[in-house]
Amino acid sequence: MLRFWLLFIALFSFSLAVEDVNTTSTSSEAQLQKIKEEKLQKQREIDELSNSLSINSVLLEDYGIWLKSYSNHLTYVKVRDELLKIEKKIRKYSKKYQNSKTKEMLNSLRKKETTLEEQLALLSSYGDSAFAGMRHPEEITEVPSVNNPLDIFRALSYVKELQQQLDSYIKKVHELESLYELIQERHKILSELFVKTEDSKYTLMIKEIKVQEEAISNELATFKSTAEVYTQRIDATILSVNKNVEKQSRGIFDLLVIIGILFVVALLIKMIIKRYITDNERYYMANKVINFINFTLVVIIVTFTYMGNVDNIVTVLGFVSAGIAIAMKDWFMSLMGWVVIMIGGSIHVGDRIRVEKDGMIYVGDILDISLLRITLHEDITLTTYMDNRRAGRIIFIPNNYIFTSMIANYSHSTLKTVWDGIDVTITFDSNSKKAIYIAKEITRKYSKGYTDMTRKQLNKLRDRYSLKSTNVEPRIFSFIEPNGIRISIWYLTNSFATLTLRSTISTELVEAYNVEDDIVIAYPTQTMRMHTVEDSISPVDLIKSEVNHK
């Protein structure tokens, strides 16, 4: 019995031991899994921080000017400190006994001293602070005086320039603020990376970024205080300029009111004179006198208004010039027309042009282009044949007509041909297809030389103009008209001798059509029917009379 209980106790103890082992094993696995997850989480956080650091580095590249200035400042400080050490060593060795070794050492130190001094001179602009060269805003130039209307434009331009200067400096402040925020963010990221990784490489980086952060913080405070002072100065200057502009604007308004009153009075006087003076020539002279007096009064008023300062003579002369320009508008417009003609190259001496003015048409060749007018020699053309019935006149065309009237150039650039047309009408019972064929053959025969010439000329003009249709072959059209079929013939001919080819083709067409039996040229005709006494008796009465006669 005792053995049985001992065996039972042994088995029970063994089962408890096995359970403890299983429990311990399960607990160890859980701890290992937890440690593994913590390591993975830590690595993910490190990767995220490294990625954030990379992004921060990319963003800092946009502030290269600022960082370069800061780097130059650090270089200046480093060179300066090194130069102080060299100078200290030089003083030390200078006090020692001057043997060959000491002299050699002194020479080497002095060479280094010279090199460092040169480097320091190059970096002198970065000596005061990291951003000394960028800290000072642009100087406010001398405030312009506003004594006449022209000065208003200078003053407004000056205000705009000041505002641009202020905006530029405020932009610098904002850029430095953004840079400071990025540096702070970088400091935070590096600190977290150091805590996560405990890597010693981040220690030096954190130390450098702290120094940089402190330097930029001090510079930012200086920039902000400078911006406040600069803003106040510019606002005060702009306010002063705007007051002067406002004062001058009121003066201009008063002057315009006085001038307006003078013009209204002059207009009323003209209306009164028109009622009592019926002769056109006398009214014209009176109108001229009133205009002259009115203009003189305006000049006197403007002169007394702006002649308080000798410097305003230029302004007065400007007003006088403007008045002369208004009085001699056509003359100045002709001068401008001459400039446009010379620069534009639309017409040249020797070109054949067509000018329309007041219902009259003039066609001729340009003999001369002077400052004020174009001299034209009228030739015998289709226009003179059909409309003017005169030719050979010398026509003087003011240059300002190029702005107000239609001027057509028949021989522009290399193009020396124009399209001309002849219309001929045949009867409805004529062979129209045959008539068109004959017209086309005759036209091709006599205009072939001009067709080939125009084709070459148009190819040259492709470089200067967009030419969509370059068909130069004769074109024949047919239309139904009340008295027959009209055949319209179009062909290219010499710009300076259109009537010659028109006459030749017209003669050949008439002769060719007269030869054909099935082609009849139509022209206005009348038919007369003659009646005798017997023709006046109706057919019924005539039959009755014949029956009665039988």
Protein backbone atom coordinates (compact mmCIF):
# COMPACT_ATOMS: atom_id res chain seq x y z
CA MET A 1 0.00 0.00 0.00
CA LEU A 2 2.84 2.33 0.82
CA ARG A 3 4.38 1.62 -2.56
CA PHE A 4 1.14 2.52 -4.27
CA TRP A 5 1.00 5.94 -2.61
CA LEU A 6 4.65 6.60 -3.36
CA LEU A 7 4.07 5.75 -7.03
CA PHE A 8 1.01 8.04 -7.14
CA ILE A 9 2.92 10.91 -5.59
CA ALA A 10 5.77 10.45 -8.08
CA LEU A 11 3.43 10.44 -11.07
CA PHE A 12 1.59 13.56 -9.83
CA SER A 13 4.87 15.46 -9.32
CA PHE A 14 6.02 14.50 -12.79
CA SER A 15 2.80 15.82 -14.37
CA LEU A 16 3.15 19.11 -12.51
CA ALA A 17 6.75 19.47 -13.72
CA VAL A 18 5.70 18.85 -17.32
CA GLU A 19 2.99 21.53 -17.04
CA ASP A 20 5.52 24.03 -15.64
CA VAL A 21 7.90 23.34 -18.51
CA ASN A 22 5.15 23.85 -21.09
CA THR A 23 4.02 27.07 -19.43
CA THR A 24 7.60 28.42 -19.31
CA SER A 25 8.15 27.52 -22.98
CA THR A 26 4.97 29.30 -24.06
CA SER A 27 5.89 32.42 -22.07
CA SER A 28 9.37 32.56 -23.63
CA GLU A 29 7.97 32.36 -27.16
CA ALA A 30 5.55 35.22 -26.43
CA GLN A 31 8.35 37.39 -25.13
CA LEU A 32 10.49 36.65 -28.19
CA GLN A 33 7.59 37.54 -30.50
CA LYS A 34 7.02 40.78 -28.62
CA ILE A 35 10.70 41.72 -28.84
CA LYS A 36 10.69 40.95 -32.54
CA GLU A 37 7.63 43.16 -33.13
CA GLU A 38 9.19 45.96 -31.11
CA LYS A 39 12.33 45.75 -33.23
CA LEU A 40 10.28 45.85 -36.44
CA GLN A 41 8.29 48.82 -35.15
CA LYS A 42 11.49 50.58 -34.19
CA GLN A 43 13.00 49.90 -37.61
CA ARG A 44 9.89 51.26 -39.32
CA GLU A 45 10.11 54.41 -37.23
CA ILE A 46 13.80 54.75 -38.11
CA ASP A 47 12.99 54.31 -41.82
CA GLU A 48 10.25 56.93 -41.61
CA LEU A 49 12.61 59.34 -39.89
CA SER A 50 15.32 58.68 -42.50
CA ASN A 51 12.79 59.31 -45.25
CA SER A 52 11.72 62.55 -43.55
CA LEU A 53 15.37 63.57 -43.31
CA SER A 54 15.84 62.95 -47.03
CA ILE A 55 12.76 65.03 -47.86
CA ASN A 56 14.03 67.78 -45.60
CA SER A 57 17.38 67.76 -47.46
CA VAL A 58 15.58 68.10 -50.79
CA LEU A 59 13.53 71.04 -49.50
CA LEU A 60 16.67 72.75 -48.22
CA GLU A 61 18.08 72.72 -51.76
CA ASP A 62 15.61 75.49 -52.63
CA TYR A 63 17.43 77.76 -50.16
CA GLY A 64 20.84 77.29 -51.70
CA ILE A 65 21.66 81.01 -51.67
CA TRP A 66 21.00 81.29 -47.96
CA LEU A 67 22.88 78.10 -47.10
CA LYS A 68 25.77 79.13 -49.32
CA SER A 69 25.98 82.46 -47.51
CA TYR A 70 25.94 80.65 -44.17
CA SER A 71 28.64 78.26 -45.38
CA ASN A 72 30.81 81.19 -46.48
CA HIS A 73 30.36 82.75 -43.05
CA LEU A 74 31.52 79.53 -41.38
CA THR A 75 34.49 79.42 -43.72
CA TYR A 76 35.31 83.02 -42.82
CA VAL A 77 35.21 82.19 -39.09
CA LYS A 78 37.36 79.11 -39.63
CA VAL A 79 39.95 81.01 -41.69
CA ARG A 80 39.96 83.85 -39.17
CA ASP A 81 40.56 81.49 -36.25
CA GLU A 82 43.29 79.69 -38.14
CA LEU A 83 44.90 83.03 -39.00
CA LEU A 84 44.90 84.02 -35.33
CA LYS A 85 46.65 80.77 -34.45
CA ILE A 86 49.25 81.35 -37.18
CA GLU A 87 49.87 84.89 -35.97
CA LYS A 88 50.28 83.62 -32.41
CA LYS A 89 52.81 81.04 -33.59
CA ILE A 90 54.69 83.66 -35.58
CA ARG A 91 54.99 85.87 -32.49
CA LYS A 92 56.12 82.85 -30.50
CA TYR A 93 58.84 81.82 -32.95
CA SER A 94 59.95 85.42 -33.47
CA LYS A 95 61.00 85.60 -29.81
CA LYS A 96 63.13 82.45 -30.06
CA TYR A 97 66.73 82.22 -31.15
CA GLN A 98 66.87 82.58 -34.92
CA ASN A 99 68.59 79.48 -36.19
CA SER A 100 68.10 77.92 -39.59
CA LYS A 101 65.26 75.69 -38.40
CA THR A 102 63.44 78.57 -36.72
CA LYS A 103 63.83 80.78 -39.79
CA GLU A 104 62.47 78.03 -42.03
CA MET A 105 59.49 77.60 -39.70
CA LEU A 106 58.84 81.36 -39.69
CA ASN A 107 58.96 81.53 -43.49
CA SER A 108 56.46 78.68 -43.73
CA LEU A 109 54.15 80.34 -41.21
CA ARG A 110 54.33 83.71 -42.98
CA LYS A 111 53.41 82.08 -46.30
CA LYS A 112 50.39 80.48 -44.63
CA GLU A 113 49.57 83.84 -43.06
CA THR A 114 49.61 85.54 -46.49
CA THR A 115 47.39 82.84 -48.00
CA LEU A 116 44.89 83.06 -45.15
CA GLU A 117 44.80 86.86 -45.33
CA GLU A 118 43.97 86.66 -49.05
CA GLN A 119 41.20 84.15 -48.32
CA LEU A 120 39.90 86.36 -45.53
CA ALA A 121 39.83 89.38 -47.85
CA LEU A 122 37.74 87.44 -50.37
CA LEU A 123 35.28 86.43 -47.64
CA SER A 124 35.21 89.81 -45.90
CA SER A 125 31.57 90.45 -46.85
CA TYR A 126 30.55 87.40 -44.79
CA GLY A 127 32.49 88.43 -41.69
CA ASP A 128 29.84 90.34 -39.74
CA SER A 129 27.13 87.69 -39.90
CA ALA A 130 25.89 84.74 -41.88
CA PHE A 131 23.61 86.89 -44.08
CA ALA A 132 25.26 90.32 -43.87
CA GLY A 133 25.16 90.84 -47.63
CA MET A 134 21.44 90.02 -47.78
CA ARG A 135 20.31 91.79 -44.64
CA HIS A 136 20.47 95.39 -45.87
CA PRO A 137 17.52 96.47 -48.05
CA GLU A 138 17.84 98.74 -51.08
CA GLU A 139 18.41 102.38 -50.33
CA ILE A 140 15.46 104.72 -50.76
CA THR A 141 16.41 107.13 -53.51
CA GLU A 142 15.67 110.84 -53.49
CA VAL A 143 11.97 111.64 -53.52
CA PRO A 144 11.00 113.24 -56.87
CA SER A 145 9.28 116.60 -56.85
CA VAL A 146 5.80 116.93 -58.36
CA ASN A 147 5.54 120.37 -59.96
CA ASN A 148 3.77 119.64 -63.26
CA PRO A 149 1.56 116.98 -64.87
CA LEU A 150 4.51 115.09 -66.31
CA ASP A 151 5.98 114.69 -62.82
CA ILE A 152 2.89 112.75 -61.78
CA PHE A 153 3.95 109.83 -63.97
CA ARG A 154 7.46 109.91 -62.50
CA ALA A 155 6.01 110.00 -58.98
CA LEU A 156 3.68 107.06 -59.62
CA SER A 157 6.58 105.11 -61.11
CA TYR A 158 8.66 105.96 -58.04
CA VAL A 159 5.90 104.71 -55.70
CA LYS A 160 5.67 101.48 -57.68
CA GLU A 161 9.43 101.04 -57.45
CA LEU A 162 9.38 101.56 -53.66
CA GLN A 163 6.59 99.04 -53.26
CA GLN A 164 8.56 96.51 -55.29
CA GLN A 165 11.63 97.09 -53.09
CA LEU A 166 9.56 96.53 -49.95
CA ASP A 167 7.92 93.41 -51.37
CA SER A 168 11.33 92.06 -52.31
CA TYR A 169 12.67 92.51 -48.78
CA ILE A 170 9.52 91.06 -47.17
CA LYS A 171 9.95 88.07 -49.45
CA LYS A 172 13.48 87.61 -48.10
CA VAL A 173 12.11 87.60 -44.54
CA HIS A 174 9.52 84.96 -45.45
CA GLU A 175 12.19 82.83 -47.11
CA LEU A 176 14.38 83.03 -44.00
CA GLU A 177 11.41 82.06 -41.82
CA SER A 178 10.77 79.02 -44.00
CA LEU A 179 14.45 78.09 -43.84
CA TYR A 180 14.39 78.41 -40.03
CA GLU A 181 11.36 76.10 -39.84
CA LEU A 182 13.13 73.50 -41.99
CA ILE A 183 16.26 73.71 -39.81
CA GLN A 184 14.13 73.21 -36.69
CA GLU A 185 12.43 70.24 -38.28
CA ARG A 186 15.82 68.78 -39.24
CA HIS A 187 17.07 69.22 -35.66
CA LYS A 188 14.02 67.38 -34.38
CA ILE A 189 14.43 64.51 -36.86
CA LEU A 190 18.13 64.08 -36.04
CA SER A 191 17.40 64.06 -32.33
CA GLU A 192 14.76 61.35 -32.75
CA LEU A 193 17.09 59.32 -34.96
CA PHE A 194 19.81 59.53 -32.31
CA VAL A 195 17.38 58.33 -29.65
CA LYS A 196 16.15 55.46 -31.84
CA THR A 197 19.52 54.32 -33.19
CA GLU A 198 21.97 55.56 -30.55
CA ASP A 199 24.35 56.02 -33.47
CA SER A 200 27.24 58.36 -32.66
CA LYS A 201 27.30 59.82 -36.19
CA TYR A 202 24.20 61.83 -35.35
CA THR A 203 25.92 63.52 -32.42
CA LEU A 204 28.09 65.73 -34.64
CA MET A 205 25.19 66.46 -36.97
CA ILE A 206 23.02 67.55 -34.04
CA LYS A 207 25.79 69.79 -32.77
CA GLU A 208 26.18 71.48 -36.18
CA ILE A 209 22.46 71.91 -36.65
CA LYS A 210 22.14 73.52 -33.20
CA VAL A 211 24.75 76.11 -34.11
CA GLN A 212 23.07 76.73 -37.46
CA GLU A 213 19.64 77.01 -35.85
CA GLU A 214 20.87 79.53 -33.31
CA ALA A 215 22.62 81.62 -35.97
CA ILE A 216 19.56 81.69 -38.24
CA SER A 217 17.31 82.51 -35.29
CA ASN A 218 19.43 85.57 -34.45
CA GLU A 219 19.54 86.61 -38.11
CA LEU A 220 15.76 86.20 -38.45
CA ALA A 221 15.17 88.52 -35.50
CA THR A 222 17.46 91.10 -37.10
CA PHE A 223 15.71 90.74 -40.46
CA LYS A 224 12.29 91.22 -38.90
CA SER A 225 13.30 94.36 -37.01
CA THR A 226 14.93 95.76 -40.16
CA ALA A 227 11.78 94.97 -42.15
CA GLU A 228 9.61 96.87 -39.67
CA VAL A 229 11.82 99.97 -39.84
CA TYR A 230 12.12 99.73 -43.64
CA THR A 231 8.33 99.37 -44.00
CA GLN A 232 7.73 102.48 -41.89
CA ARG A 233 10.21 104.50 -43.94
CA ILE A 234 8.72 103.43 -47.26
CA ASP A 235 5.14 104.00 -46.06
CA ALA A 236 6.06 107.52 -44.96
CA THR A 237 7.77 108.24 -48.27
CA ILE A 238 4.83 106.88 -50.30
CA LEU A 239 2.39 108.94 -48.23
CA SER A 240 4.40 112.10 -48.93
CA VAL A 241 4.57 111.39 -52.67
CA ASN A 242 0.83 110.62 -52.84
CA LYS A 243 0.02 113.95 -51.17
CA ASN A 244 2.09 115.80 -53.76
CA VAL A 245 0.40 113.85 -56.58
CA GLU A 246 -3.03 114.64 -55.13
CA LYS A 247 -2.18 118.33 -54.90
CA GLN A 248 -0.95 118.42 -58.50
CA SER A 249 -4.02 116.48 -59.69
CA ARG A 250 -6.32 119.07 -58.15
CA GLY A 251 -4.36 121.78 -59.97
CA ILE A 252 -4.74 119.91 -63.28
CA PHE A 253 -8.46 119.49 -62.68
CA ASP A 254 -8.88 123.23 -62.07
CA LEU A 255 -6.87 123.98 -65.21
CA LEU A 256 -9.01 121.59 -67.29
CA VAL A 257 -12.17 123.24 -65.96
CA ILE A 258 -10.91 126.67 -67.06
CA ILE A 259 -9.91 125.35 -70.50
CA GLY A 260 -13.31 123.64 -70.82
CA ILE A 261 -15.06 126.92 -70.05
CA LEU A 262 -12.99 128.67 -72.73
CA PHE A 263 -13.96 126.06 -75.31
CA VAL A 264 -17.65 126.30 -74.38
CA VAL A 265 -17.52 130.10 -74.71
CA ALA A 266 -15.80 129.78 -78.08
CA LEU A 267 -18.47 127.32 -79.24
CA LEU A 268 -21.26 129.67 -78.19
CA ILE A 269 -19.59 132.57 -80.02
CA LYS A 270 -19.33 130.40 -83.15
CA MET A 271 -23.04 129.55 -82.95
CA ILE A 272 -23.95 133.24 -82.60
CA ILE A 273 -21.71 134.26 -85.51
CA LYS A 274 -23.18 131.54 -87.70
CA ARG A 275 -26.63 133.03 -87.24
CA TYR A 276 -25.58 136.51 -88.43
CA ILE A 277 -22.87 135.74 -91.01
CA THR A 278 -24.26 133.99 -94.09
CA ASP A 279 -21.19 134.30 -96.29
CA ASN A 280 -19.23 131.02 -96.04
CA GLU A 281 -15.84 132.62 -96.65
CA ARG A 282 -16.37 135.26 -93.94
CA TYR A 283 -17.66 132.63 -91.51
CA TYR A 284 -14.60 130.47 -92.26
CA MET A 285 -12.25 133.38 -91.46
CA ALA A 286 -14.18 134.26 -88.27
CA ASN A 287 -14.01 130.62 -87.20
CA LYS A 288 -10.25 130.60 -87.72
CA VAL A 289 -9.82 133.81 -85.68
CA ILE A 290 -11.87 132.40 -82.79
CA ASN A 291 -9.82 129.19 -82.81
CA PHE A 292 -6.58 131.16 -82.78
CA ILE A 293 -7.69 133.41 -79.89
CA ASN A 294 -8.92 130.42 -77.91
CA PHE A 295 -5.69 128.52 -78.46
CA THR A 296 -3.63 131.59 -77.47
CA LEU A 297 -5.59 132.02 -74.23
CA VAL A 298 -5.05 128.35 -73.36
CA VAL A 299 -1.29 128.70 -73.96
CA ILE A 300 -1.12 131.83 -71.77
CA ILE A 301 -3.05 130.17 -68.93
CA VAL A 302 -0.87 127.06 -69.02
CA THR A 303 2.27 129.21 -69.20
CA PHE A 304 1.36 131.28 -66.13
CA THR A 305 0.33 128.12 -64.27
CA TYR A 306 3.57 126.18 -64.76
CA MET A 307 6.16 128.92 -65.25
CA GLY A 308 6.68 129.45 -61.53
CA ASN A 309 9.81 127.33 -61.82
CA VAL A 310 12.39 127.58 -64.58
CA ASP A 311 12.54 123.81 -64.70
CA ASN A 312 8.97 123.76 -65.99
CA ILE A 313 9.92 125.34 -69.33
CA VAL A 314 10.13 121.84 -70.76
CA THR A 315 6.55 121.20 -69.68
CA VAL A 316 5.32 124.40 -71.30
CA LEU A 317 7.15 123.58 -74.48
CA GLY A 318 5.49 120.17 -74.39
CA PHE A 319 2.04 121.75 -74.20
CA VAL A 320 2.90 124.18 -76.99
CA SER A 321 4.17 121.31 -79.13
CA ALA A 322 0.95 119.42 -78.47
CA GLY A 323 -1.07 122.46 -79.59
CA ILE A 324 0.99 122.81 -82.75
CA ALA A 325 0.56 119.11 -83.41
CA ILE A 326 -3.22 119.48 -83.15
CA ALA A 327 -3.28 122.57 -85.38
CA MET A 328 -1.05 120.91 -87.99
CA LYS A 329 -2.49 117.42 -87.64
CA ASP A 330 -2.53 116.64 -91.36
CA TRP A 331 1.07 117.77 -91.79
CA PHE A 332 2.28 115.55 -88.95
CA MET A 333 0.13 112.68 -90.19
CA SER A 334 1.80 112.99 -93.60
CA LEU A 335 5.20 112.79 -91.94
CA MET A 336 4.10 109.68 -90.07
CA GLY A 337 2.72 108.28 -93.31
CA TRP A 338 6.10 108.78 -94.95
CA VAL A 339 7.76 106.88 -92.08
CA VAL A 340 5.25 104.04 -92.45
CA ILE A 341 5.79 103.92 -96.22
CA MET A 342 9.56 103.87 -95.88
CA ILE A 343 9.60 101.23 -93.12
CA GLY A 344 6.67 99.11 -94.26
CA GLY A 345 7.72 98.90 -97.90
CA SER A 346 4.13 98.50 -99.14
CA ILE A 347 4.67 100.94 -102.02
CA HIS A 348 7.81 102.15 -103.80
CA VAL A 349 8.76 104.59 -106.52
CA GLY A 350 7.83 103.04 -109.88
CA ASP A 351 4.86 101.03 -108.55
CA ARG A 352 1.49 101.34 -110.22
CA ILE A 353 -1.19 102.17 -107.66
CA ARG A 354 -4.91 102.93 -107.55
CA VAL A 355 -6.19 105.61 -105.15
CA GLU A 356 -9.78 106.33 -104.20
CA LYS A 357 -10.78 109.69 -102.70
CA ASP A 358 -14.19 111.36 -102.54
CA GLY A 359 -15.62 109.07 -105.24
CA MET A 360 -12.77 109.70 -107.70
CA ILE A 361 -10.37 106.96 -108.79
CA TYR A 362 -6.82 107.64 -109.94
CA VAL A 363 -4.51 105.00 -111.45
CA GLY A 364 -0.91 105.76 -112.32
CA ASP A 365 2.78 105.24 -111.63
CA ILE A 366 4.60 106.68 -108.61
CA LEU A 367 7.17 109.27 -109.67
CA ASP A 368 8.33 110.36 -106.21
CA ILE A 369 7.66 109.84 -102.49
CA SER A 370 8.57 112.95 -100.50
CA LEU A 371 8.11 113.73 -96.79
CA LEU A 372 4.60 115.08 -97.34
CA ARG A 373 3.16 113.59 -100.53
CA ILE A 374 3.26 110.94 -103.23
CA THR A 375 3.60 112.21 -106.81
CA LEU A 376 1.59 110.08 -109.24
CA HIS A 377 1.60 110.15 -113.07
CA GLU A 378 -1.82 109.13 -114.37
CA ASP A 379 -1.67 106.63 -117.25
CA ILE A 380 -4.20 105.42 -119.82
CA THR A 381 -5.93 102.52 -118.11
CA LEU A 382 -9.31 100.85 -118.01
CA THR A 383 -10.30 103.35 -115.30
CA THR A 384 -9.46 106.36 -117.46
CA TYR A 385 -11.24 104.71 -120.42
CA MET A 386 -14.46 103.91 -118.56
CA ASP A 387 -14.68 106.61 -115.84
CA ASN A 388 -12.33 109.57 -116.08
CA ARG A 389 -11.88 109.91 -119.86
CA ARG A 390 -8.69 111.78 -119.06
CA ALA A 391 -5.09 110.72 -118.47
CA GLY A 392 -1.59 112.12 -118.21
CA ARG A 393 -2.24 114.28 -115.17
CA ILE A 394 0.22 114.63 -112.26
CA ILE A 395 -1.63 113.69 -109.07
CA PHE A 396 -0.34 114.76 -105.64
CA ILE A 397 -1.47 112.39 -102.87
CA PRO A 398 -0.78 113.39 -99.22
CA ASN A 399 1.05 110.65 -97.33
CA ASN A 400 -1.63 110.61 -94.63
CA TYR A 401 -4.01 109.03 -97.17
CA ILE A 402 -2.47 105.64 -96.38
CA PHE A 403 -4.30 105.85 -93.01
CA THR A 404 -7.68 107.06 -94.33
CA SER A 405 -8.07 106.03 -97.99
CA MET A 406 -7.90 102.86 -100.05
CA ILE A 407 -4.63 102.46 -101.94
CA ALA A 408 -4.19 99.39 -104.17
CA ASN A 409 -0.74 98.41 -105.46
CA TYR A 410 -0.79 96.70 -108.87
CA SER A 411 2.95 95.92 -108.84
CA HIS A 412 3.82 95.10 -105.22
CA SER A 413 7.20 93.46 -104.59
CA THR A 414 8.06 91.05 -107.43
CA LEU A 415 4.45 90.75 -108.60
CA LYS A 416 4.09 92.68 -111.90
CA THR A 417 0.87 91.14 -113.25
CA VAL A 418 -2.85 91.48 -112.50
CA TRP A 419 -6.01 89.62 -113.42
CA ASP A 420 -8.06 91.29 -116.15
CA GLY A 421 -11.40 90.18 -117.56
CA ILE A 422 -13.47 90.38 -120.76
CA ASP A 423 -17.18 89.59 -120.97
CA VAL A 424 -18.89 88.51 -124.22
CA THR A 425 -22.53 87.42 -124.58
CA ILE A 426 -23.77 84.83 -127.10
CA THR A 427 -27.35 83.88 -127.96
CA PHE A 428 -29.10 81.04 -126.15
CA ASP A 429 -29.14 78.86 -129.29
CA SER A 430 -25.38 79.21 -129.80
CA ASN A 431 -22.94 76.38 -129.11
CA SER A 432 -21.79 77.59 -125.67
CA LYS A 433 -19.29 74.78 -125.10
CA LYS A 434 -17.57 75.54 -128.37
CA ALA A 435 -17.57 79.25 -127.59
CA ILE A 436 -15.95 78.59 -124.19
CA TYR A 437 -13.32 76.35 -125.77
CA ILE A 438 -12.43 79.00 -128.40
CA ALA A 439 -12.22 81.70 -125.69
CA LYS A 440 -9.94 79.53 -123.55
CA GLU A 441 -7.58 78.72 -126.45
CA ILE A 442 -7.28 82.35 -127.56
CA THR A 443 -6.73 83.53 -123.95
CA ARG A 444 -4.07 80.89 -123.31
CA LYS A 445 -2.30 81.80 -126.51
CA TYR A 446 -1.93 85.49 -125.74
CA SER A 447 -1.51 85.35 -121.96
CA LYS A 448 0.90 82.41 -121.74
CA GLY A 449 3.95 84.59 -121.12
CA TYR A 450 2.29 86.42 -118.27
CA THR A 451 0.98 83.13 -116.80
CA ASP A 452 4.49 81.67 -116.58
CA MET A 453 5.85 84.96 -115.20
CA THR A 454 3.20 85.07 -112.47
CA ARG A 455 3.85 81.48 -111.45
CA LYS A 456 7.51 82.32 -110.76
CA GLN A 457 6.58 85.53 -108.97
CA LEU A 458 4.11 83.77 -106.66
CA ASN A 459 6.71 81.14 -105.75
CA LYS A 460 9.01 83.96 -104.61
CA LEU A 461 6.22 85.52 -102.52
CA ARG A 462 5.55 82.26 -100.60
CA ASP A 463 8.37 83.13 -98.19
CA ARG A 464 6.65 86.39 -97.17
CA TYR A 465 2.92 85.68 -97.49
CA SER A 466 0.50 82.80 -96.99
CA LEU A 467 -0.73 82.06 -100.53
CA LYS A 468 -3.56 79.52 -100.59
CA SER A 469 -4.65 79.77 -104.23
CA THR A 470 -1.83 79.95 -106.77
CA ASN A 471 -3.78 78.94 -109.89
CA VAL A 472 -2.48 81.19 -112.68
CA GLU A 473 -4.15 79.57 -115.71
CA PRO A 474 -6.88 81.52 -117.53
CA ARG A 475 -10.34 81.05 -116.03
CA ILE A 476 -13.54 80.94 -118.10
CA PHE A 477 -16.99 81.24 -116.55
CA SER A 478 -20.45 81.19 -118.15
CA PHE A 479 -23.63 82.73 -116.76
CA ILE A 480 -27.24 82.96 -117.90
CA GLU A 481 -28.26 86.56 -118.57
CA PRO A 482 -31.59 88.01 -119.79
CA ASN A 483 -30.32 88.48 -123.35
CA GLY A 484 -28.08 85.38 -123.70
CA ILE A 485 -25.23 83.42 -122.18
CA ARG A 486 -22.45 85.63 -120.87
CA ILE A 487 -18.92 84.19 -121.10
CA SER A 488 -16.56 85.83 -118.57
CA ILE A 489 -12.88 85.44 -119.49
CA TRP A 490 -10.16 86.09 -116.90
CA TYR A 491 -6.43 86.08 -117.60
CA LEU A 492 -3.16 87.49 -116.26
CA THR A 493 -1.68 90.51 -117.97
CA ASN A 494 0.99 93.18 -117.50
CA SER A 495 0.12 95.61 -114.70
CA PHE A 496 1.37 98.52 -116.79
CA ALA A 497 -0.32 97.59 -120.11
CA THR A 498 -3.67 95.95 -119.42
CA LEU A 499 -5.51 97.64 -122.33
CA THR A 500 -3.09 96.29 -124.94
CA LEU A 501 -3.79 92.61 -124.25
CA ARG A 502 -7.50 93.30 -123.67
CA SER A 503 -7.72 94.89 -127.12
CA THR A 504 -5.88 92.00 -128.79
CA ILE A 505 -7.98 89.24 -127.15
CA SER A 506 -11.25 91.12 -127.83
CA THR A 507 -10.47 91.42 -131.55
CA GLU A 508 -9.46 87.76 -131.83
CA LEU A 509 -12.64 86.61 -130.07
CA VAL A 510 -14.94 88.57 -132.37
CA GLU A 511 -13.18 87.24 -135.46
CA ALA A 512 -13.21 83.64 -134.20
CA TYR A 513 -16.93 83.74 -133.29
CA ASN A 514 -17.93 85.33 -136.59
CA VAL A 515 -16.34 82.43 -138.47
CA GLU A 516 -18.48 79.84 -136.65
CA ASP A 517 -22.01 79.26 -137.95
CA ASP A 518 -23.32 77.95 -134.60
CA ILE A 519 -22.05 80.87 -132.51
CA VAL A 520 -23.83 84.22 -132.60
CA ILE A 521 -22.76 87.19 -130.50
CA ALA A 522 -25.81 88.60 -128.75
CA TYR A 523 -26.48 92.28 -128.54
CA PRO A 524 -29.63 94.40 -127.86
CA THR A 525 -32.07 94.12 -130.86
CA GLN A 526 -35.61 95.24 -131.74
CA THR A 527 -38.19 93.54 -134.02
CA MET A 528 -40.60 95.64 -136.10
CA ARG A 529 -43.73 94.04 -137.64
CA MET A 530 -45.40 95.94 -140.51
CA HIS A 531 -49.19 95.52 -141.08
CA THR A 532 -51.22 96.34 -144.29
CA VAL A 533 -54.97 97.16 -144.41
CA GLU A 534 -55.77 93.55 -145.17
CA ASP A 535 -53.67 92.43 -142.23
CA SER A 536 -55.95 94.49 -139.97
CA ILE A 537 -59.10 92.40 -141.01
CA SER A 538 -59.65 89.42 -138.78
CA PRO A 539 -59.39 85.94 -140.36
CA VAL A 540 -63.11 85.22 -139.74
CA ASP A 541 -64.25 88.33 -141.63
CA LEU A 542 -61.87 87.51 -144.43
CA ILE A 543 -63.39 84.01 -144.85
CA LYS A 544 -66.94 85.45 -144.85
CA SER A 545 -66.05 87.97 -147.53
CA GLU A 546 -64.57 85.26 -149.73
CA VAL A 547 -67.74 83.10 -149.38
CA ASN A 548 -70.00 86.03 -150.24
CA HIS A 549 -67.83 86.80 -153.22
CA LYS A 550 -68.30 83.31 -154.59
